[in-house]
Amino acid sequence: MLRQLSPATQKELLQLWPPEANAQLNAWTSGEMTSIGVTFGLQEGWLVISDVTPYSPAEEAGLRLRDVVIGIDGSPLTGKSMDDVRGMILKPEGTRFTLRIRRGSNDFDVSMVIRKLEALDVRSEVLDGVGVVRVLNFSAVAVGEMDRELKKLAKASVRGIVLDVRGAPGGTVDVARLLSCRFLAQGTLQGSSAGHDRVAVPYFCEAQGDTATPLVILANGDTSCGGESFAAGLRDNGRAKIVGTTTHGIGTVKPIARLNNGYRFTYVLNVLYGPKGQRWLERGIEPDVVVANEARAIEEARSEPQAAKRLAMDKQLAAAFGLLK
């Protein structure tokens, strides 16, 4: 059945998710998550905190960017994979657990209780007269959050906007299209999708967006699906150039279906195409300006308040600023 629904060129048909992963799926799509409010990344074999959600248990406990997590509930993380770690922290609401943190030369324990959070998936700041908008996920709440942040930047009279989708996973394609259309004229072709019959279904912007403010997009190998649709819609319409490295190459629409036993599965329904008719599935989107940057440097730069120092640390951001001069 799935072979009849999925595009003929698609090899991987479905992905099965156990009940304990439902919280992660909900976070991707609805913007509501059950969590302590931290994002981890592997840096030189260490599990490092790369983002702390505002108003979360993690922020209330005083966790910071670049804190190293060396243990969970008394178990050392030496030799653990990211999947192992996710299994240790993806727990039901109300679960209390303890992280062993290393900050500089000090090791200490932090105890927190998992609770429901509304993710802040779009954040902005003004840096040297330029608005920097970071999209962490294309969830249901991202549209309202983008509108809120764009109003702030309009009041600040920024001379341009950098749209940072580096590391943005997926979310929903519909949200990515809506966000892309915030910067396109009404009636503009944002992209299309095609299923097993290969008949392209176009998506046009229904409302008038901001077509005047100069834009640059930051993307990298961790930008996937929604982030790729967002970037392709703007680049192909001449609204923005892409700076960074080739994106991940996940250009598909994957509905989520629920089974009676609590499991869910996602299956490939459509392949996505940009306004110019190109697809990026399994090949990614090539940037207009190629600039390599280590993930660690990007995360460290995000916590640097001084513009000059931050641009020196984040080469991709500096290149984007150069295009807005």
Protein backbone atom coordinates (compact mmCIF):
# COMPACT_ATOMS: atom_id res chain seq x y z
CA MET A 1 0.00 0.00 0.00
CA LEU A 2 2.73 2.44 0.95
CA ARG A 3 4.53 1.75 -2.31
CA GLN A 4 1.39 2.88 -4.13
CA LEU A 5 1.23 6.08 -2.07
CA SER A 6 4.90 7.02 -2.12
CA PRO A 7 6.86 8.49 -5.02
CA ALA A 8 8.30 5.76 -7.23
CA THR A 9 11.85 7.07 -6.72
CA GLN A 10 11.65 6.89 -2.94
CA LYS A 11 13.53 3.95 -1.42
CA GLU A 12 12.80 4.41 2.30
CA LEU A 13 9.05 4.08 2.80
CA LEU A 14 8.43 4.54 6.51
CA GLN A 15 9.90 5.18 9.93
CA LEU A 16 8.41 3.60 13.06
CA TRP A 17 8.25 5.59 16.32
CA PRO A 18 7.64 3.90 19.70
CA PRO A 19 5.21 5.49 22.22
CA GLU A 20 8.04 7.01 24.26
CA ALA A 21 9.08 9.09 21.24
CA ASN A 22 5.67 10.79 20.96
CA ALA A 23 6.94 13.81 22.89
CA GLN A 24 9.65 14.38 20.32
CA LEU A 25 7.19 14.13 17.43
CA ASN A 26 4.82 16.56 19.14
CA ALA A 27 7.64 19.04 19.63
CA TRP A 28 8.50 18.91 15.94
CA THR A 29 4.96 19.55 14.75
CA SER A 30 2.95 21.40 17.42
CA GLY A 31 5.69 23.41 19.11
CA GLU A 32 4.73 21.95 22.49
CA MET A 33 7.27 19.68 24.11
CA THR A 34 7.77 17.78 27.34
CA SER A 35 11.32 18.51 28.30
CA ILE A 36 13.77 20.21 30.63
CA GLY A 37 14.51 22.70 27.84
CA VAL A 38 18.02 22.01 26.57
CA THR A 39 19.54 21.08 23.23
CA PHE A 40 22.67 18.94 23.18
CA GLY A 41 25.42 18.57 20.64
CA LEU A 42 28.49 16.35 20.41
CA GLN A 43 31.74 18.31 20.43
CA GLU A 44 34.99 16.34 20.35
CA GLY A 45 33.23 13.40 21.98
CA TRP A 46 31.63 15.46 24.76
CA LEU A 47 27.91 16.11 25.21
CA VAL A 48 27.69 19.91 25.26
CA ILE A 49 24.64 22.12 25.86
CA SER A 50 24.12 24.17 22.69
CA ASP A 51 20.82 25.87 23.58
CA VAL A 52 18.78 26.59 26.71
CA THR A 53 15.07 27.32 26.25
CA PRO A 54 13.89 30.47 28.05
CA TYR A 55 11.59 29.92 31.06
CA SER A 56 12.46 26.21 31.15
CA PRO A 57 13.60 24.00 34.07
CA ALA A 58 17.11 24.10 32.58
CA GLU A 59 17.22 27.90 32.63
CA GLU A 60 15.74 28.01 36.13
CA ALA A 61 18.43 25.56 37.29
CA GLY A 62 21.15 27.83 35.92
CA LEU A 63 22.40 25.68 33.04
CA ARG A 64 24.44 27.58 30.46
CA LEU A 65 25.62 27.26 26.89
CA ARG A 66 28.77 25.15 26.63
CA ASP A 67 28.14 23.33 29.92
CA VAL A 68 29.29 19.73 29.47
CA VAL A 69 26.98 16.91 30.57
CA ILE A 70 29.10 14.06 31.92
CA GLY A 71 26.41 11.93 33.59
CA ILE A 72 22.68 11.32 33.92
CA ASP A 73 21.16 9.90 37.12
CA GLY A 74 24.56 8.71 38.29
CA SER A 75 25.45 6.95 35.03
CA PRO A 76 28.56 8.26 33.23
CA LEU A 77 28.08 9.15 29.56
CA THR A 78 31.44 7.82 28.45
CA GLY A 79 30.91 5.78 25.30
CA LYS A 80 27.23 6.71 24.99
CA SER A 81 25.78 7.66 21.60
CA MET A 82 23.26 10.46 21.04
CA ASP A 83 20.53 7.81 20.70
CA ASP A 84 21.54 6.40 24.10
CA VAL A 85 21.32 9.86 25.64
CA ARG A 86 17.91 10.55 24.09
CA GLY A 87 16.63 7.32 25.60
CA MET A 88 17.84 8.47 29.01
CA ILE A 89 16.16 11.89 28.88
CA LEU A 90 12.96 11.28 26.85
CA LYS A 91 10.76 10.64 29.88
CA PRO A 92 7.14 11.42 30.81
CA GLU A 93 6.05 14.72 32.31
CA GLY A 94 6.79 14.90 36.04
CA THR A 95 9.91 12.71 35.88
CA ARG A 96 12.80 14.03 37.97
CA PHE A 97 16.37 13.29 36.97
CA THR A 98 19.82 14.62 37.69
CA LEU A 99 22.49 15.83 35.30
CA ARG A 100 26.16 15.78 36.24
CA ILE A 101 27.60 19.01 34.79
CA ARG A 102 31.19 20.04 34.13
CA ARG A 103 31.75 23.79 33.91
CA GLY A 104 35.40 24.66 33.56
CA SER A 105 37.20 22.76 36.31
CA ASN A 106 34.08 22.29 38.45
CA ASP A 107 31.76 19.26 38.43
CA PHE A 108 28.32 19.50 40.08
CA ASP A 109 24.83 17.96 40.01
CA VAL A 110 21.64 19.68 38.83
CA SER A 111 18.24 18.11 39.52
CA MET A 112 15.20 19.02 37.38
CA VAL A 113 11.63 17.89 36.72
CA ILE A 114 10.39 17.43 33.15
CA ARG A 115 7.36 19.56 32.30
CA LYS A 116 5.44 20.78 29.28
CA LEU A 117 7.00 23.74 27.51
CA GLU A 118 5.96 25.85 24.59
CA ALA A 119 8.99 26.00 22.39
CA LEU A 120 10.35 29.36 21.28
CA ASP A 121 11.09 28.27 17.74
CA VAL A 122 11.78 31.73 16.28
CA ARG A 123 14.07 34.22 18.00
CA SER A 124 15.55 37.50 16.84
CA GLU A 125 18.11 40.10 17.81
CA VAL A 126 19.59 43.24 16.30
CA LEU A 127 23.31 43.05 15.66
CA ASP A 128 25.13 46.09 14.25
CA GLY A 129 21.93 47.34 12.60
CA VAL A 130 21.04 43.98 11.07
CA GLY A 131 18.21 41.75 12.24
CA VAL A 132 19.27 38.16 12.89
CA VAL A 133 16.32 35.76 12.97
CA ARG A 134 17.02 32.21 14.07
CA VAL A 135 14.46 29.52 13.21
CA LEU A 136 14.97 26.47 15.41
CA ASN A 137 12.00 24.48 14.10
CA PHE A 138 9.09 24.84 11.68
CA SER A 139 6.36 23.96 14.18
CA ALA A 140 2.78 25.23 14.46
CA VAL A 141 3.81 28.09 16.77
CA ALA A 142 6.58 29.34 14.46
CA VAL A 143 4.26 31.42 12.25
CA GLY A 144 3.00 33.60 15.09
CA GLU A 145 6.49 33.83 16.52
CA MET A 146 7.93 34.95 13.18
CA ASP A 147 5.29 37.68 12.87
CA ARG A 148 6.10 38.86 16.39
CA GLU A 149 9.85 39.00 15.74
CA LEU A 150 9.44 40.76 12.38
CA LYS A 151 7.39 43.49 14.07
CA LYS A 152 10.22 44.01 16.56
CA LEU A 153 12.77 44.30 13.74
CA ALA A 154 10.55 46.72 11.81
CA LYS A 155 10.44 49.00 14.86
CA ALA A 156 14.23 48.79 15.06
CA SER A 157 14.52 49.92 11.39
CA VAL A 158 17.06 47.22 10.53
CA ARG A 159 18.94 47.58 7.24
CA GLY A 160 18.57 43.89 6.40
CA ILE A 161 17.71 40.50 7.86
CA VAL A 162 19.77 37.33 8.19
CA LEU A 163 17.54 34.26 8.37
CA ASP A 164 19.48 31.59 10.24
CA VAL A 165 18.14 28.07 9.59
CA ARG A 166 21.39 26.28 10.42
CA GLY A 167 20.48 23.19 12.40
CA ALA A 168 16.73 23.63 11.81
CA PRO A 169 15.44 20.04 11.60
CA GLY A 170 12.06 19.69 9.96
CA GLY A 171 8.75 20.59 11.49
CA THR A 172 6.02 20.84 8.88
CA VAL A 173 6.38 21.89 5.27
CA ASP A 174 3.18 23.96 5.43
CA VAL A 175 4.73 26.12 8.14
CA ALA A 176 7.97 26.47 6.16
CA ARG A 177 5.95 27.66 3.17
CA LEU A 178 4.02 30.19 5.25
CA LEU A 179 7.24 31.59 6.72
CA SER A 180 8.84 31.80 3.29
CA CYS A 181 5.79 33.69 2.00
CA ARG A 182 6.30 36.33 4.72
CA PHE A 183 8.98 37.68 2.35
CA LEU A 184 7.31 37.08 -1.03
CA ALA A 185 4.61 38.85 -3.03
CA GLN A 186 1.06 37.57 -3.07
CA GLY A 187 0.56 34.97 -5.80
CA THR A 188 4.26 34.00 -5.93
CA LEU A 189 5.04 30.32 -6.55
CA GLN A 190 6.78 29.17 -3.36
CA GLY A 191 7.34 25.58 -4.48
CA SER A 192 5.54 22.37 -5.36
CA SER A 193 5.29 18.71 -4.44
CA ALA A 194 4.62 15.51 -6.37
CA GLY A 195 3.60 12.03 -5.29
CA HIS A 196 3.51 8.63 -6.91
CA ASP A 197 1.85 9.97 -10.06
CA ARG A 198 4.58 12.65 -10.40
CA VAL A 199 1.97 15.34 -11.02
CA ALA A 200 3.29 18.55 -9.47
CA VAL A 201 0.95 20.39 -7.10
CA PRO A 202 2.00 24.07 -6.83
CA TYR A 203 1.90 26.21 -3.69
CA PHE A 204 1.29 29.93 -4.12
CA CYS A 205 1.59 32.64 -1.47
CA GLU A 206 -1.86 33.79 -0.41
CA ALA A 207 -0.90 37.10 1.21
CA GLN A 208 1.46 39.96 0.47
CA GLY A 209 4.79 39.68 2.24
CA ASP A 210 7.78 41.97 2.78
CA THR A 211 9.48 42.23 -0.61
CA ALA A 212 11.74 45.18 0.21
CA THR A 213 13.99 44.25 3.14
CA PRO A 214 17.31 42.72 1.96
CA LEU A 215 17.65 39.09 3.05
CA VAL A 216 20.41 36.50 3.42
CA ILE A 217 19.86 32.89 4.51
CA LEU A 218 22.34 30.89 6.58
CA ALA A 219 22.17 27.11 6.03
CA ASN A 220 24.37 24.08 6.63
CA GLY A 221 24.39 20.30 6.55
CA ASP A 222 21.98 20.16 9.50
CA THR A 223 19.34 22.22 7.65
CA SER A 224 16.71 19.78 6.44
CA CYS A 225 13.21 19.43 4.98
CA GLY A 226 11.30 22.49 6.26
CA GLY A 227 14.46 24.59 6.35
CA GLU A 228 15.27 23.52 2.81
CA SER A 229 11.79 24.35 1.52
CA PHE A 230 11.99 27.74 3.23
CA ALA A 231 15.39 28.50 1.70
CA ALA A 232 14.54 27.25 -1.80
CA GLY A 233 11.35 29.32 -1.94
CA LEU A 234 13.25 32.52 -1.21
CA ARG A 235 16.40 31.83 -3.23
CA ASP A 236 14.59 30.69 -6.39
CA ASN A 237 12.44 33.82 -6.33
CA GLY A 238 15.46 36.08 -6.09
CA ARG A 239 14.66 37.26 -2.56
CA ALA A 240 17.73 35.92 -0.82
CA LYS A 241 21.13 34.34 -1.31
CA ILE A 242 22.17 31.32 0.72
CA VAL A 243 25.45 31.38 2.65
CA GLY A 244 27.01 28.33 4.30
CA THR A 245 27.33 24.72 3.20
CA THR A 246 25.17 22.18 1.34
CA THR A 247 21.97 21.30 3.18
CA HIS A 248 21.02 17.81 4.36
CA GLY A 249 18.83 16.77 1.43
CA ILE A 250 15.56 15.66 3.04
CA GLY A 251 13.02 16.95 0.55
CA THR A 252 9.90 14.92 1.34
CA VAL A 253 6.46 15.29 2.91
CA LYS A 254 5.94 12.73 5.70
CA PRO A 255 2.48 12.47 7.29
CA ILE A 256 2.29 10.96 10.78
CA ALA A 257 -0.10 8.05 11.38
CA ARG A 258 -1.01 6.49 14.74
CA LEU A 259 -1.41 2.76 15.44
CA ASN A 260 -3.69 1.25 18.07
CA ASN A 261 -0.73 0.11 20.20
CA GLY A 262 0.53 3.67 20.66
CA TYR A 263 3.22 3.45 18.01
CA ARG A 264 3.31 6.02 15.21
CA PHE A 265 4.83 5.86 11.79
CA THR A 266 5.75 8.42 9.20
CA TYR A 267 5.67 7.58 5.52
CA VAL A 268 6.80 9.43 2.43
CA LEU A 269 3.85 10.90 0.55
CA ASN A 270 5.41 13.57 -1.68
CA VAL A 271 8.76 14.84 -2.92
CA LEU A 272 9.35 18.59 -2.65
CA TYR A 273 10.52 20.88 -5.45
CA GLY A 274 11.65 24.48 -5.50
CA PRO A 275 9.95 27.19 -7.59
CA LYS A 276 12.37 26.51 -10.46
CA GLY A 277 11.42 22.83 -10.48
CA GLN A 278 14.54 21.36 -8.91
CA ARG A 279 14.40 18.82 -6.09
CA TRP A 280 16.95 18.54 -3.32
CA LEU A 281 16.12 15.05 -2.03
CA GLU A 282 19.36 13.14 -1.28
CA ARG A 283 21.46 15.91 -2.86
CA GLY A 284 20.82 18.97 -0.72
CA ILE A 285 20.74 22.63 -1.72
CA GLU A 286 24.03 24.19 -2.73
CA PRO A 287 24.66 27.65 -1.24
CA ASP A 288 25.40 30.70 -3.36
CA VAL A 289 28.36 31.55 -1.13
CA VAL A 290 30.22 28.56 0.31
CA VAL A 291 31.62 29.22 3.78
CA ALA A 292 32.58 26.40 6.12
CA ASN A 293 32.14 26.82 9.85
CA GLU A 294 32.47 24.36 12.71
CA ALA A 295 29.32 23.71 14.73
CA ARG A 296 31.20 24.50 17.93
CA ALA A 297 32.22 27.93 16.63
CA ILE A 298 28.62 28.70 15.66
CA GLU A 299 27.27 27.81 19.11
CA GLU A 300 30.00 29.73 20.91
CA ALA A 301 29.39 32.78 18.72
CA ARG A 302 25.66 32.83 19.50
CA SER A 303 26.40 33.57 23.15
CA GLU A 304 28.81 36.42 22.33
CA PRO A 305 27.09 39.83 22.85
CA GLN A 306 29.71 41.98 21.08
CA ALA A 307 29.09 42.23 17.33
CA ALA A 308 32.74 42.44 16.26
CA LYS A 309 33.77 39.40 18.31
CA ARG A 310 30.75 37.42 17.19
CA LEU A 311 31.40 38.06 13.50
CA ALA A 312 35.03 37.05 13.96
CA MET A 313 33.90 33.75 15.51
CA ASP A 314 31.08 33.00 13.03
CA LYS A 315 32.48 33.17 9.50
CA GLN A 316 29.15 32.35 7.88
CA LEU A 317 27.37 35.16 9.71
CA ALA A 318 30.19 37.54 8.75
CA ALA A 319 29.79 36.58 5.08
CA ALA A 320 26.04 37.21 5.32
CA PHE A 321 26.67 40.65 6.80
CA GLY A 322 29.06 41.34 3.93
CA LEU A 323 26.26 40.71 1.41
CA LEU A 324 23.98 43.19 3.20
CA LYS A 325 26.41 46.12 2.93
